[in-house]
Amino acid sequence: MNDKILLVEGEADKSLFSAICYEGRLGVNVKVGSPLDFCGDGCGKGNALKLLPTLLEQMRDGQIRRLAMVIDADFKDADGLGFHETLKKVAVILKDHGYKVSTTLKSRTGGYCIKHSDGLPDFGLWIMPNNASDGLLEDFIKNSISDTQKDLLKTAVDAVEKLKTPLFKPIHRSKADVATWMAWQKIPGQALQGVVGGKLVDFSSGEAKQLIDWLHGIYA
């Protein structure tokens, strides 16, 4: 098994981050996987958090050399934890495994590289969208699109806003915005990894560049 691991929530995240790692030319082969790829109980944020202690133990015994995780903050007042509670939950797991981390970690621009008290490699953590706010991966994408796509995204957002009886939950609004925007591309309805190959996201500035720099810091 590849000993450089990036744990994500599900298949859509897996495809997107596999594309990001390839296009980002990290110079290393990173295995991107959901919990199911590492014998977890299923996909999703809860299963990723449940699996994390197992992967940290594999880091200790040398099966894994580099480990990072990308998860959504979700929303405090809905069906997720929100940024602060998500960060706290991860911090507790890391502290139990010897990482130098306080349960009162603050938001951090550009992701986290958390050191171990015994000299094991840093643990990488990125909480979508920006390590500070409640939200989802799709909020990160909306904040990072290329200049040439901004007008089209605004049109898509306006179209979703005008729906009289939307069937999706309010917390999934950014998913609806991005899905509508993606439906109007040269290849309509492609999966999220299409933002990489189609150069729909600008990885040379802002949060997207911070993400690439964070990946380099963990794996390169």
N, C-alpha and C. Protein backbone atom coordinates (compact mmCIF):
# COMPACT_ATOMS: atom_id res chain seq x y z
N MET A 1 0.84 -1.20 0.00
CA MET A 1 0.00 0.00 0.00
C MET A 1 0.88 1.25 0.00
N ASN A 2 0.48 2.27 -0.75
CA ASN A 2 1.18 3.54 -0.72
C ASN A 2 1.25 4.06 0.71
N ASP A 3 2.43 4.54 1.13
CA ASP A 3 2.58 4.98 2.52
C ASP A 3 2.39 6.48 2.70
N LYS A 4 1.86 7.15 1.68
CA LYS A 4 1.51 8.57 1.78
C LYS A 4 0.01 8.67 1.54
N ILE A 5 -0.74 8.98 2.59
CA ILE A 5 -2.20 8.83 2.59
C ILE A 5 -2.89 10.18 2.78
N LEU A 6 -3.92 10.41 1.95
CA LEU A 6 -4.82 11.54 2.15
C LEU A 6 -6.23 10.98 2.33
N LEU A 7 -6.76 11.12 3.53
CA LEU A 7 -8.09 10.61 3.85
C LEU A 7 -9.14 11.68 3.58
N VAL A 8 -10.15 11.32 2.79
CA VAL A 8 -11.25 12.23 2.48
C VAL A 8 -12.57 11.54 2.82
N GLU A 9 -13.67 12.26 2.66
CA GLU A 9 -14.96 11.74 3.12
C GLU A 9 -15.58 10.71 2.19
N GLY A 10 -15.51 10.92 0.88
CA GLY A 10 -16.25 10.05 -0.03
C GLY A 10 -15.67 10.00 -1.42
N GLU A 11 -16.40 9.37 -2.33
CA GLU A 11 -15.89 9.12 -3.67
C GLU A 11 -15.71 10.40 -4.48
N ALA A 12 -16.62 11.36 -4.34
CA ALA A 12 -16.48 12.62 -5.09
C ALA A 12 -15.22 13.36 -4.64
N ASP A 13 -14.99 13.41 -3.34
CA ASP A 13 -13.79 14.05 -2.80
C ASP A 13 -12.54 13.29 -3.27
N LYS A 14 -12.63 11.98 -3.27
CA LYS A 14 -11.49 11.14 -3.69
C LYS A 14 -11.08 11.46 -5.13
N SER A 15 -12.06 11.53 -6.03
CA SER A 15 -11.75 11.83 -7.43
C SER A 15 -11.19 13.23 -7.60
N LEU A 16 -11.77 14.19 -6.88
CA LEU A 16 -11.30 15.57 -6.98
C LEU A 16 -9.86 15.70 -6.48
N PHE A 17 -9.59 15.14 -5.30
CA PHE A 17 -8.25 15.31 -4.74
C PHE A 17 -7.20 14.47 -5.44
N SER A 18 -7.61 13.36 -6.03
CA SER A 18 -6.68 12.62 -6.87
C SER A 18 -6.26 13.48 -8.06
N ALA A 19 -7.22 14.19 -8.64
CA ALA A 19 -6.91 15.09 -9.76
C ALA A 19 -6.05 16.26 -9.29
N ILE A 20 -6.36 16.82 -8.13
CA ILE A 20 -5.58 17.94 -7.61
C ILE A 20 -4.13 17.52 -7.36
N CYS A 21 -3.96 16.37 -6.74
CA CYS A 21 -2.59 15.90 -6.47
C CYS A 21 -1.82 15.67 -7.75
N TYR A 22 -2.48 15.16 -8.77
CA TYR A 22 -1.81 14.93 -10.05
C TYR A 22 -1.48 16.25 -10.72
N GLU A 23 -2.48 17.12 -10.85
CA GLU A 23 -2.27 18.39 -11.55
C GLU A 23 -1.34 19.31 -10.76
N GLY A 24 -1.34 19.16 -9.43
CA GLY A 24 -0.48 19.99 -8.61
C GLY A 24 0.98 19.61 -8.71
N ARG A 25 1.25 18.45 -9.36
CA ARG A 25 2.63 17.99 -9.57
C ARG A 25 3.41 18.00 -8.26
N LEU A 26 2.90 17.26 -7.28
CA LEU A 26 3.53 17.24 -5.97
C LEU A 26 4.89 16.54 -5.99
N GLY A 27 5.12 15.74 -7.02
CA GLY A 27 6.39 15.04 -7.10
C GLY A 27 6.42 13.76 -6.30
N VAL A 28 5.28 13.40 -5.69
CA VAL A 28 5.17 12.16 -4.94
C VAL A 28 3.83 11.51 -5.29
N ASN A 29 3.75 10.22 -5.04
CA ASN A 29 2.53 9.48 -5.31
C ASN A 29 1.70 9.40 -4.04
N VAL A 30 0.62 10.17 -3.98
CA VAL A 30 -0.24 10.20 -2.80
C VAL A 30 -1.46 9.32 -3.05
N LYS A 31 -1.76 8.43 -2.10
CA LYS A 31 -2.98 7.63 -2.20
C LYS A 31 -4.11 8.40 -1.55
N VAL A 32 -5.07 8.81 -2.35
CA VAL A 32 -6.25 9.50 -1.85
C VAL A 32 -7.35 8.47 -1.69
N GLY A 33 -7.98 8.42 -0.53
CA GLY A 33 -9.02 7.43 -0.32
C GLY A 33 -10.07 7.86 0.67
N SER A 34 -11.26 7.28 0.51
CA SER A 34 -12.33 7.44 1.49
C SER A 34 -12.15 6.37 2.57
N PRO A 35 -12.92 6.43 3.65
CA PRO A 35 -12.81 5.38 4.66
C PRO A 35 -12.95 3.96 4.11
N LEU A 36 -13.77 3.79 3.10
CA LEU A 36 -13.96 2.46 2.52
C LEU A 36 -12.67 1.90 1.93
N ASP A 37 -11.81 2.77 1.45
CA ASP A 37 -10.54 2.32 0.86
C ASP A 37 -9.57 1.82 1.92
N PHE A 38 -9.83 2.13 3.18
CA PHE A 38 -8.95 1.72 4.27
C PHE A 38 -9.69 0.85 5.28
N CYS A 39 -10.67 0.10 4.76
CA CYS A 39 -11.43 -0.86 5.58
C CYS A 39 -12.27 -0.18 6.64
N GLY A 40 -12.71 1.04 6.35
CA GLY A 40 -13.63 1.72 7.26
C GLY A 40 -15.04 1.19 7.09
N ASP A 41 -15.95 1.68 7.92
CA ASP A 41 -17.33 1.18 7.91
C ASP A 41 -18.18 1.77 6.80
N GLY A 42 -17.73 2.83 6.18
CA GLY A 42 -18.50 3.47 5.12
C GLY A 42 -17.93 4.85 4.85
N CYS A 43 -18.53 5.54 3.90
CA CYS A 43 -18.07 6.89 3.57
C CYS A 43 -18.67 7.91 4.54
N GLY A 44 -18.23 9.14 4.42
CA GLY A 44 -18.79 10.21 5.24
C GLY A 44 -17.84 10.69 6.32
N LYS A 45 -18.15 11.85 6.83
CA LYS A 45 -17.32 12.51 7.83
C LYS A 45 -17.19 11.68 9.11
N GLY A 46 -18.30 11.16 9.59
CA GLY A 46 -18.27 10.37 10.82
C GLY A 46 -17.38 9.15 10.70
N ASN A 47 -17.45 8.47 9.57
CA ASN A 47 -16.62 7.29 9.37
C ASN A 47 -15.15 7.66 9.19
N ALA A 48 -14.88 8.82 8.59
CA ALA A 48 -13.49 9.28 8.47
C ALA A 48 -12.90 9.54 9.85
N LEU A 49 -13.66 10.20 10.71
CA LEU A 49 -13.19 10.47 12.07
C LEU A 49 -13.02 9.18 12.87
N LYS A 50 -13.92 8.24 12.65
CA LYS A 50 -13.84 6.95 13.35
C LYS A 50 -12.60 6.17 12.93
N LEU A 51 -12.22 6.28 11.65
CA LEU A 51 -11.07 5.56 11.12
C LEU A 51 -9.74 6.20 11.50
N LEU A 52 -9.74 7.50 11.78
CA LEU A 52 -8.50 8.23 11.99
C LEU A 52 -7.57 7.59 13.03
N PRO A 53 -8.05 7.15 14.20
CA PRO A 53 -7.13 6.53 15.16
C PRO A 53 -6.38 5.32 14.60
N THR A 54 -7.05 4.52 13.78
CA THR A 54 -6.39 3.36 13.16
C THR A 54 -5.25 3.80 12.26
N LEU A 55 -5.47 4.83 11.46
CA LEU A 55 -4.42 5.31 10.56
C LEU A 55 -3.28 5.95 11.34
N LEU A 56 -3.59 6.62 12.44
CA LEU A 56 -2.54 7.20 13.27
C LEU A 56 -1.66 6.11 13.89
N GLU A 57 -2.26 4.99 14.26
CA GLU A 57 -1.48 3.86 14.77
C GLU A 57 -0.58 3.29 13.68
N GLN A 58 -1.08 3.26 12.45
CA GLN A 58 -0.27 2.79 11.33
C GLN A 58 0.87 3.76 11.04
N MET A 59 0.68 5.02 11.33
CA MET A 59 1.77 5.99 11.23
C MET A 59 2.85 5.66 12.27
N ARG A 60 2.42 5.32 13.47
CA ARG A 60 3.38 5.02 14.53
C ARG A 60 4.21 3.78 14.22
N ASP A 61 3.59 2.75 13.63
CA ASP A 61 4.34 1.52 13.37
C ASP A 61 5.02 1.49 12.00
N GLY A 62 4.95 2.63 11.28
CA GLY A 62 5.71 2.76 10.04
C GLY A 62 5.01 2.32 8.78
N GLN A 63 3.76 1.85 8.88
CA GLN A 63 3.03 1.48 7.68
C GLN A 63 2.69 2.71 6.83
N ILE A 64 2.48 3.83 7.51
CA ILE A 64 2.19 5.10 6.85
C ILE A 64 3.29 6.09 7.19
N ARG A 65 3.83 6.79 6.18
CA ARG A 65 4.88 7.78 6.40
C ARG A 65 4.34 9.19 6.45
N ARG A 66 3.29 9.46 5.70
CA ARG A 66 2.69 10.79 5.68
C ARG A 66 1.18 10.62 5.71
N LEU A 67 0.51 11.43 6.51
CA LEU A 67 -0.94 11.31 6.66
C LEU A 67 -1.58 12.68 6.79
N ALA A 68 -2.65 12.87 6.04
CA ALA A 68 -3.45 14.10 6.14
C ALA A 68 -4.91 13.75 5.92
N MET A 69 -5.77 14.67 6.31
CA MET A 69 -7.20 14.46 6.17
C MET A 69 -7.87 15.76 5.73
N VAL A 70 -8.82 15.63 4.81
CA VAL A 70 -9.66 16.75 4.39
C VAL A 70 -11.10 16.37 4.68
N ILE A 71 -11.77 17.18 5.51
CA ILE A 71 -13.18 16.95 5.82
C ILE A 71 -13.92 18.27 5.78
N ASP A 72 -15.23 18.19 5.64
CA ASP A 72 -16.07 19.38 5.66
C ASP A 72 -16.31 19.85 7.09
N ALA A 73 -16.42 21.15 7.25
CA ALA A 73 -16.85 21.69 8.54
C ALA A 73 -18.32 21.37 8.79
N ASP A 74 -19.12 21.40 7.72
CA ASP A 74 -20.58 21.31 7.83
C ASP A 74 -21.12 22.54 8.58
N PHE A 75 -22.27 22.39 9.21
CA PHE A 75 -22.92 23.56 9.80
C PHE A 75 -23.36 23.26 11.23
N LYS A 76 -23.01 24.14 12.13
CA LYS A 76 -23.29 23.93 13.56
C LYS A 76 -24.77 23.75 13.82
N ASP A 77 -25.62 24.52 13.16
CA ASP A 77 -27.05 24.52 13.46
C ASP A 77 -27.84 23.54 12.61
N ALA A 78 -27.14 22.73 11.82
CA ALA A 78 -27.84 21.77 10.97
C ALA A 78 -27.46 20.35 11.39
N ASP A 79 -27.06 19.52 10.43
CA ASP A 79 -26.80 18.11 10.76
C ASP A 79 -25.30 17.81 10.86
N GLY A 80 -24.48 18.85 10.93
CA GLY A 80 -23.05 18.63 11.07
C GLY A 80 -22.53 19.24 12.36
N LEU A 81 -21.23 19.25 12.51
CA LEU A 81 -20.62 19.77 13.73
C LEU A 81 -20.32 21.27 13.65
N GLY A 82 -20.10 21.78 12.43
CA GLY A 82 -19.60 23.13 12.28
C GLY A 82 -18.09 23.14 12.43
N PHE A 83 -17.44 24.24 12.03
CA PHE A 83 -15.98 24.29 12.02
C PHE A 83 -15.37 24.04 13.40
N HIS A 84 -15.81 24.79 14.40
CA HIS A 84 -15.17 24.74 15.71
C HIS A 84 -15.30 23.36 16.36
N GLU A 85 -16.47 22.76 16.27
CA GLU A 85 -16.66 21.43 16.88
C GLU A 85 -15.91 20.36 16.10
N THR A 86 -15.83 20.51 14.78
CA THR A 86 -15.06 19.56 13.98
C THR A 86 -13.59 19.62 14.36
N LEU A 87 -13.06 20.83 14.46
CA LEU A 87 -11.66 21.00 14.83
C LEU A 87 -11.40 20.43 16.22
N LYS A 88 -12.30 20.67 17.14
CA LYS A 88 -12.15 20.15 18.50
C LYS A 88 -12.14 18.64 18.51
N LYS A 89 -13.03 18.02 17.74
CA LYS A 89 -13.12 16.56 17.70
C LYS A 89 -11.82 15.95 17.16
N VAL A 90 -11.27 16.53 16.08
CA VAL A 90 -10.01 16.04 15.54
C VAL A 90 -8.88 16.25 16.53
N ALA A 91 -8.87 17.41 17.19
CA ALA A 91 -7.81 17.73 18.15
C ALA A 91 -7.76 16.71 19.29
N VAL A 92 -8.90 16.27 19.77
CA VAL A 92 -8.96 15.28 20.84
C VAL A 92 -8.33 13.97 20.39
N ILE A 93 -8.65 13.54 19.16
CA ILE A 93 -8.08 12.29 18.62
C ILE A 93 -6.57 12.41 18.49
N LEU A 94 -6.09 13.54 17.98
CA LEU A 94 -4.66 13.73 17.78
C LEU A 94 -3.92 13.77 19.12
N LYS A 95 -4.48 14.46 20.09
CA LYS A 95 -3.84 14.56 21.40
C LYS A 95 -3.69 13.18 22.03
N ASP A 96 -4.70 12.34 21.85
CA ASP A 96 -4.67 10.98 22.39
C ASP A 96 -3.57 10.14 21.75
N HIS A 97 -3.08 10.58 20.59
CA HIS A 97 -2.05 9.83 19.87
C HIS A 97 -0.71 10.57 19.86
N GLY A 98 -0.52 11.45 20.83
CA GLY A 98 0.80 12.04 21.04
C GLY A 98 1.11 13.29 20.24
N TYR A 99 0.10 13.89 19.61
CA TYR A 99 0.37 15.12 18.87
C TYR A 99 0.27 16.34 19.77
N LYS A 100 1.10 17.32 19.49
CA LYS A 100 1.15 18.55 20.29
C LYS A 100 0.01 19.47 19.86
N VAL A 101 -1.12 19.25 20.44
CA VAL A 101 -2.29 19.99 19.99
C VAL A 101 -3.18 20.30 21.18
N SER A 102 -3.70 21.50 21.19
CA SER A 102 -4.65 21.91 22.21
C SER A 102 -6.06 21.67 21.68
N THR A 103 -6.97 21.34 22.55
CA THR A 103 -8.36 21.17 22.14
C THR A 103 -9.02 22.50 21.81
N THR A 104 -8.28 23.60 22.02
CA THR A 104 -8.80 24.92 21.68
C THR A 104 -8.06 25.51 20.48
N LEU A 105 -7.65 24.65 19.55
CA LEU A 105 -7.01 25.12 18.32
C LEU A 105 -7.87 26.20 17.66
N LYS A 106 -7.23 27.20 17.11
CA LYS A 106 -7.94 28.27 16.43
C LYS A 106 -7.90 28.06 14.92
N SER A 107 -8.73 28.81 14.21
CA SER A 107 -8.72 28.73 12.75
C SER A 107 -7.34 29.12 12.24
N ARG A 108 -6.99 28.54 11.09
CA ARG A 108 -5.65 28.77 10.57
C ARG A 108 -5.69 28.87 9.05
N THR A 109 -5.27 29.97 8.51
CA THR A 109 -5.22 30.14 7.06
C THR A 109 -4.24 29.14 6.46
N GLY A 110 -4.68 28.41 5.46
CA GLY A 110 -3.78 27.52 4.75
C GLY A 110 -3.68 26.12 5.30
N GLY A 111 -4.51 25.71 6.23
CA GLY A 111 -4.49 24.35 6.73
C GLY A 111 -3.54 24.15 7.89
N TYR A 112 -3.60 22.97 8.48
CA TYR A 112 -2.82 22.65 9.67
C TYR A 112 -1.74 21.62 9.36
N CYS A 113 -0.56 21.80 9.95
CA CYS A 113 0.51 20.81 9.97
C CYS A 113 0.88 20.64 11.44
N ILE A 114 0.39 19.59 12.06
CA ILE A 114 0.46 19.43 13.52
C ILE A 114 1.58 18.47 13.88
N LYS A 115 2.45 18.91 14.77
CA LYS A 115 3.65 18.14 15.12
C LYS A 115 3.38 17.12 16.21
N HIS A 116 4.20 16.08 16.20
CA HIS A 116 4.09 14.99 17.17
C HIS A 116 5.14 15.15 18.26
N SER A 117 4.80 14.78 19.47
CA SER A 117 5.73 14.95 20.59
C SER A 117 6.92 13.99 20.53
N ASP A 118 6.79 12.89 19.76
CA ASP A 118 7.86 11.89 19.67
C ASP A 118 8.59 11.93 18.33
N GLY A 119 8.34 12.95 17.54
CA GLY A 119 9.07 13.09 16.29
C GLY A 119 8.47 12.38 15.09
N LEU A 120 7.27 11.84 15.21
CA LEU A 120 6.61 11.29 14.04
C LEU A 120 6.29 12.42 13.05
N PRO A 121 6.06 12.09 11.78
CA PRO A 121 5.76 13.14 10.80
C PRO A 121 4.54 13.97 11.19
N ASP A 122 4.53 15.21 10.71
CA ASP A 122 3.39 16.10 10.94
C ASP A 122 2.11 15.46 10.41
N PHE A 123 1.02 15.75 11.08
CA PHE A 123 -0.31 15.37 10.59
C PHE A 123 -0.93 16.58 9.91
N GLY A 124 -1.46 16.38 8.71
CA GLY A 124 -2.07 17.47 7.96
C GLY A 124 -3.59 17.45 8.07
N LEU A 125 -4.17 18.62 8.28
CA LEU A 125 -5.63 18.74 8.40
C LEU A 125 -6.10 19.97 7.64
N TRP A 126 -7.09 19.76 6.79
CA TRP A 126 -7.78 20.87 6.12
C TRP A 126 -9.27 20.66 6.34
N ILE A 127 -9.91 21.67 6.95
CA ILE A 127 -11.35 21.62 7.18
C ILE A 127 -12.02 22.55 6.19
N MET A 128 -12.73 21.97 5.25
CA MET A 128 -13.39 22.76 4.22
C MET A 128 -14.51 23.60 4.81
N PRO A 129 -14.66 24.85 4.30
CA PRO A 129 -13.98 25.33 3.09
C PRO A 129 -12.63 26.00 3.31
N ASN A 130 -12.39 26.62 4.48
CA ASN A 130 -11.22 27.50 4.60
C ASN A 130 -10.55 27.45 5.97
N ASN A 131 -10.78 26.38 6.73
CA ASN A 131 -10.18 26.25 8.07
C ASN A 131 -10.60 27.37 9.02
N ALA A 132 -11.78 27.91 8.79
CA ALA A 132 -12.26 29.00 9.64
C ALA A 132 -13.78 29.05 9.73
N SER A 133 -14.46 28.68 8.65
CA SER A 133 -15.90 28.89 8.56
C SER A 133 -16.66 27.58 8.45
N ASP A 134 -17.92 27.60 8.84
CA ASP A 134 -18.80 26.48 8.54
C ASP A 134 -18.98 26.40 7.02
N GLY A 135 -19.22 25.21 6.53
CA GLY A 135 -19.43 25.07 5.09
C GLY A 135 -18.96 23.74 4.55
N LEU A 136 -18.88 23.68 3.21
CA LEU A 136 -18.62 22.44 2.50
C LEU A 136 -17.52 22.62 1.46
N LEU A 137 -17.12 21.52 0.86
CA LEU A 137 -16.16 21.54 -0.23
C LEU A 137 -16.63 22.47 -1.35
N GLU A 138 -17.93 22.45 -1.62
CA GLU A 138 -18.46 23.28 -2.70
C GLU A 138 -18.30 24.77 -2.42
N ASP A 139 -18.28 25.17 -1.16
CA ASP A 139 -18.02 26.57 -0.83
C ASP A 139 -16.58 26.93 -1.18
N PHE A 140 -15.66 26.01 -0.95
CA PHE A 140 -14.27 26.22 -1.35
C PHE A 140 -14.19 26.42 -2.86
N ILE A 141 -14.88 25.59 -3.62
CA ILE A 141 -14.86 25.70 -5.08
C ILE A 141 -15.42 27.04 -5.52
N LYS A 142 -16.54 27.46 -4.94
CA LYS A 142 -17.14 28.75 -5.30
C LYS A 142 -16.19 29.91 -5.04
N ASN A 143 -15.40 29.80 -3.98
CA ASN A 143 -14.48 30.87 -3.62
C ASN A 143 -13.20 30.86 -4.44
N SER A 144 -13.00 29.81 -5.26
CA SER A 144 -11.72 29.62 -5.93
C SER A 144 -11.80 29.55 -7.45
N ILE A 145 -12.95 29.85 -8.02
CA ILE A 145 -13.09 29.67 -9.46
C ILE A 145 -12.27 30.70 -10.23
N SER A 146 -11.93 30.33 -11.45
CA SER A 146 -11.15 31.20 -12.32
C SER A 146 -11.96 32.44 -12.69
N ASP A 147 -11.26 33.52 -12.99
CA ASP A 147 -11.92 34.78 -13.35
C ASP A 147 -12.86 34.59 -14.54
N THR A 148 -12.48 33.75 -15.49
CA THR A 148 -13.30 33.55 -16.69
C THR A 148 -14.61 32.84 -16.39
N GLN A 149 -14.73 32.26 -15.19
CA GLN A 149 -15.94 31.51 -14.82
C GLN A 149 -16.87 32.28 -13.89
N LYS A 150 -16.45 33.45 -13.44
CA LYS A 150 -17.21 34.15 -12.41
C LYS A 150 -18.59 34.60 -12.87
N ASP A 151 -18.69 35.07 -14.10
CA ASP A 151 -20.00 35.50 -14.60
C ASP A 151 -20.96 34.33 -14.72
N LEU A 152 -20.43 33.19 -15.20
CA LEU A 152 -21.28 32.01 -15.35
C LEU A 152 -21.74 31.49 -13.99
N LEU A 153 -20.84 31.51 -13.02
CA LEU A 153 -21.23 31.08 -11.68
C LEU A 153 -22.30 32.00 -11.11
N LYS A 154 -22.15 33.31 -11.30
CA LYS A 154 -23.15 34.24 -10.79
C LYS A 154 -24.51 33.97 -11.41
N THR A 155 -24.52 33.66 -12.70
CA THR A 155 -25.78 33.34 -13.37
C THR A 155 -26.40 32.08 -12.79
N ALA A 156 -25.56 31.09 -12.50
CA ALA A 156 -26.06 29.84 -11.90
C ALA A 156 -26.60 30.09 -10.50
N VAL A 157 -25.88 30.88 -9.72
CA VAL A 157 -26.34 31.20 -8.35
C VAL A 157 -27.66 31.94 -8.39
N ASP A 158 -27.79 32.87 -9.33
CA ASP A 158 -29.05 33.63 -9.46
C ASP A 158 -30.20 32.71 -9.86
N ALA A 159 -29.91 31.74 -10.74
CA ALA A 159 -30.95 30.81 -11.18
C ALA A 159 -31.43 29.94 -10.02
N VAL A 160 -30.51 29.47 -9.19
CA VAL A 160 -30.90 28.67 -8.04
C VAL A 160 -31.68 29.51 -7.05
N GLU A 161 -31.26 30.76 -6.87
CA GLU A 161 -31.95 31.67 -5.94
C GLU A 161 -33.40 31.89 -6.34
N LYS A 162 -33.69 31.84 -7.63
CA LYS A 162 -35.04 32.14 -8.12
C LYS A 162 -35.99 30.95 -8.03
N LEU A 163 -35.48 29.77 -7.65
CA LEU A 163 -36.35 28.61 -7.53
C LEU A 163 -37.42 28.88 -6.46
N LYS A 164 -38.67 28.64 -6.82
CA LYS A 164 -39.75 28.90 -5.88
C LYS A 164 -39.90 27.80 -4.84
N THR A 165 -39.69 26.55 -5.24
CA THR A 165 -39.85 25.44 -4.30
C THR A 165 -38.67 24.47 -4.44
N PRO A 166 -37.48 24.88 -4.02
CA PRO A 166 -36.33 23.98 -4.11
C PRO A 166 -36.53 22.75 -3.22
N LEU A 167 -36.07 21.62 -3.70
CA LEU A 167 -36.23 20.37 -2.97
C LEU A 167 -35.04 20.08 -2.05
N PHE A 168 -33.92 20.74 -2.28
CA PHE A 168 -32.74 20.50 -1.45
C PHE A 168 -32.83 21.27 -0.14
N LYS A 169 -32.08 20.78 0.86
CA LYS A 169 -32.03 21.46 2.15
C LYS A 169 -31.24 22.77 2.02
N PRO A 170 -31.58 23.78 2.81
CA PRO A 170 -30.83 25.05 2.75
C PRO A 170 -29.33 24.86 2.95
N ILE A 171 -28.91 23.89 3.79
CA ILE A 171 -27.48 23.69 4.02
C ILE A 171 -26.76 23.17 2.78
N HIS A 172 -27.52 22.69 1.79
CA HIS A 172 -26.93 22.17 0.56
C HIS A 172 -27.00 23.17 -0.58
N ARG A 173 -27.24 24.43 -0.25
CA ARG A 173 -27.35 25.45 -1.28
C ARG A 173 -26.09 25.53 -2.15
N SER A 174 -24.92 25.49 -1.54
CA SER A 174 -23.69 25.60 -2.34
C SER A 174 -23.53 24.40 -3.26
N LYS A 175 -24.01 23.23 -2.85
CA LYS A 175 -23.98 22.06 -3.73
C LYS A 175 -24.85 22.30 -4.96
N ALA A 176 -26.02 22.89 -4.74
CA ALA A 176 -26.92 23.18 -5.85
C ALA A 176 -26.31 24.23 -6.79
N ASP A 177 -25.68 25.24 -6.20
CA ASP A 177 -25.03 26.28 -7.02
C ASP A 177 -23.94 25.68 -7.90
N VAL A 178 -23.08 24.86 -7.31
CA VAL A 178 -21.96 24.29 -8.06
C VAL A 178 -22.46 23.28 -9.09
N ALA A 179 -23.44 22.47 -8.73
CA ALA A 179 -23.97 21.49 -9.68
C ALA A 179 -24.60 22.19 -10.89
N THR A 180 -25.31 23.30 -10.66
CA THR A 180 -25.91 24.06 -11.76
C THR A 180 -24.82 24.65 -12.65
N TRP A 181 -23.82 25.25 -12.04
CA TRP A 181 -22.68 25.81 -12.78
C TRP A 181 -21.96 24.74 -13.59
N MET A 182 -21.73 23.58 -13.01
CA MET A 182 -21.06 22.49 -13.72
C MET A 182 -21.92 21.95 -14.87
N ALA A 183 -23.22 22.05 -14.73
CA ALA A 183 -24.12 21.57 -15.79
C ALA A 183 -24.05 22.43 -17.04
N TRP A 184 -23.49 23.63 -16.93
CA TRP A 184 -23.41 24.56 -18.05
C TRP A 184 -22.01 24.64 -18.67
N GLN A 185 -21.13 23.70 -18.30
CA GLN A 185 -19.78 23.69 -18.86
C GLN A 185 -19.76 23.00 -20.23
N LYS A 186 -18.58 23.00 -20.86
CA LYS A 186 -18.44 22.35 -22.18
C LYS A 186 -18.82 20.88 -22.12
N ILE A 187 -18.50 20.25 -20.99
CA ILE A 187 -18.95 18.87 -20.75
C ILE A 187 -19.97 18.95 -19.62
N PRO A 188 -21.25 19.04 -19.96
CA PRO A 188 -22.28 19.28 -18.93
C PRO A 188 -22.35 18.15 -17.91
N GLY A 189 -22.51 18.55 -16.64
CA GLY A 189 -22.78 17.59 -15.60
C GLY A 189 -21.61 16.72 -15.19
N GLN A 190 -20.38 17.11 -15.54
CA GLN A 190 -19.23 16.31 -15.14
C GLN A 190 -19.03 16.36 -13.63
N ALA A 191 -18.30 15.39 -13.12
CA ALA A 191 -18.03 15.32 -11.69
C ALA A 191 -17.10 16.44 -11.26
N LEU A 192 -16.93 16.59 -9.94
CA LEU A 192 -16.17 17.72 -9.42
C LEU A 192 -14.72 17.75 -9.88
N GLN A 193 -14.13 16.57 -10.17
CA GLN A 193 -12.73 16.59 -10.62
C GLN A 193 -12.57 17.34 -11.93
N GLY A 194 -13.68 17.59 -12.64
CA GLY A 194 -13.63 18.35 -13.88
C GLY A 194 -13.18 19.79 -13.69
N VAL A 195 -13.27 20.31 -12.47
CA VAL A 195 -12.81 21.69 -12.23
C VAL A 195 -11.30 21.78 -12.37
N VAL A 196 -10.59 20.64 -12.22
CA VAL A 196 -9.14 20.64 -12.32
C VAL A 196 -8.71 20.58 -13.78
N GLY A 197 -9.14 19.54 -14.48
CA GLY A 197 -8.76 19.39 -15.88
C GLY A 197 -9.27 20.52 -16.76
N GLY A 198 -10.46 21.04 -16.42
CA GLY A 198 -11.03 22.13 -17.20
C GLY A 198 -10.53 23.49 -16.80
N LYS A 199 -9.63 23.54 -15.82
CA LYS A 199 -9.06 24.79 -15.32
C LYS A 199 -10.16 25.77 -14.89
N LEU A 200 -11.18 25.23 -14.25
CA LEU A 200 -12.29 26.05 -13.79
C LEU A 200 -11.98 26.70 -12.44
N VAL A 201 -11.03 26.13 -11.72
CA VAL A 201 -10.56 26.69 -10.45
C VAL A 201 -9.16 27.23 -10.64
N ASP A 202 -8.90 28.37 -10.03
CA ASP A 202 -7.58 29.01 -10.13
C ASP A 202 -6.72 28.58 -8.95
N PHE A 203 -5.77 27.68 -9.21
CA PHE A 203 -4.90 27.18 -8.16
C PHE A 203 -3.65 28.03 -7.96
N SER A 204 -3.63 29.18 -8.60
CA SER A 204 -2.44 30.05 -8.48
C SER A 204 -2.62 31.18 -7.48
N SER A 205 -3.80 31.26 -6.86
CA SER A 205 -4.04 32.35 -5.91
C SER A 205 -5.08 31.94 -4.89
N GLY A 206 -5.18 32.75 -3.83
CA GLY A 206 -6.23 32.58 -2.84
C GLY A 206 -6.20 31.25 -2.11
N GLU A 207 -7.37 30.78 -1.68
CA GLU A 207 -7.48 29.56 -0.90
C GLU A 207 -7.01 28.34 -1.67
N ALA A 208 -7.22 28.33 -2.99
CA ALA A 208 -6.80 27.17 -3.78
C ALA A 208 -5.28 27.03 -3.80
N LYS A 209 -4.57 28.15 -3.89
CA LYS A 209 -3.11 28.09 -3.82
C LYS A 209 -2.66 27.67 -2.43
N GLN A 210 -3.35 28.14 -1.41
CA GLN A 210 -3.04 27.72 -0.04
C GLN A 210 -3.20 26.21 0.11
N LEU A 211 -4.20 25.65 -0.54
CA LEU A 211 -4.41 24.21 -0.50
C LEU A 211 -3.24 23.47 -1.15
N ILE A 212 -2.81 23.93 -2.33
CA ILE A 212 -1.68 23.31 -3.01
C ILE A 212 -0.42 23.42 -2.16
N ASP A 213 -0.18 24.59 -1.58
CA ASP A 213 1.00 24.79 -0.73
C ASP A 213 0.94 23.86 0.49
N TRP A 214 -0.24 23.70 1.05
CA TRP A 214 -0.42 22.80 2.20
C TRP A 214 -0.10 21.36 1.81
N LEU A 215 -0.59 20.91 0.66
CA LEU A 215 -0.30 19.56 0.18
C LEU A 215 1.19 19.36 -0.02
N HIS A 216 1.85 20.36 -0.59
CA HIS A 216 3.30 20.29 -0.76
C HIS A 216 4.00 20.15 0.59
N GLY A 217 3.52 20.93 1.57
CA GLY A 217 4.16 20.89 2.88
C GLY A 217 4.04 19.54 3.56
N ILE A 218 2.95 18.83 3.30
CA ILE A 218 2.74 17.52 3.92
C ILE A 218 3.49 16.42 3.18
N TYR A 219 3.44 16.44 1.85
CA TYR A 219 3.86 15.27 1.08
C TYR A 219 5.16 15.42 0.31
N ALA A 220 5.54 16.64 -0.07
CA ALA A 220 6.70 16.79 -0.96
C ALA A 220 8.00 16.67 -0.19
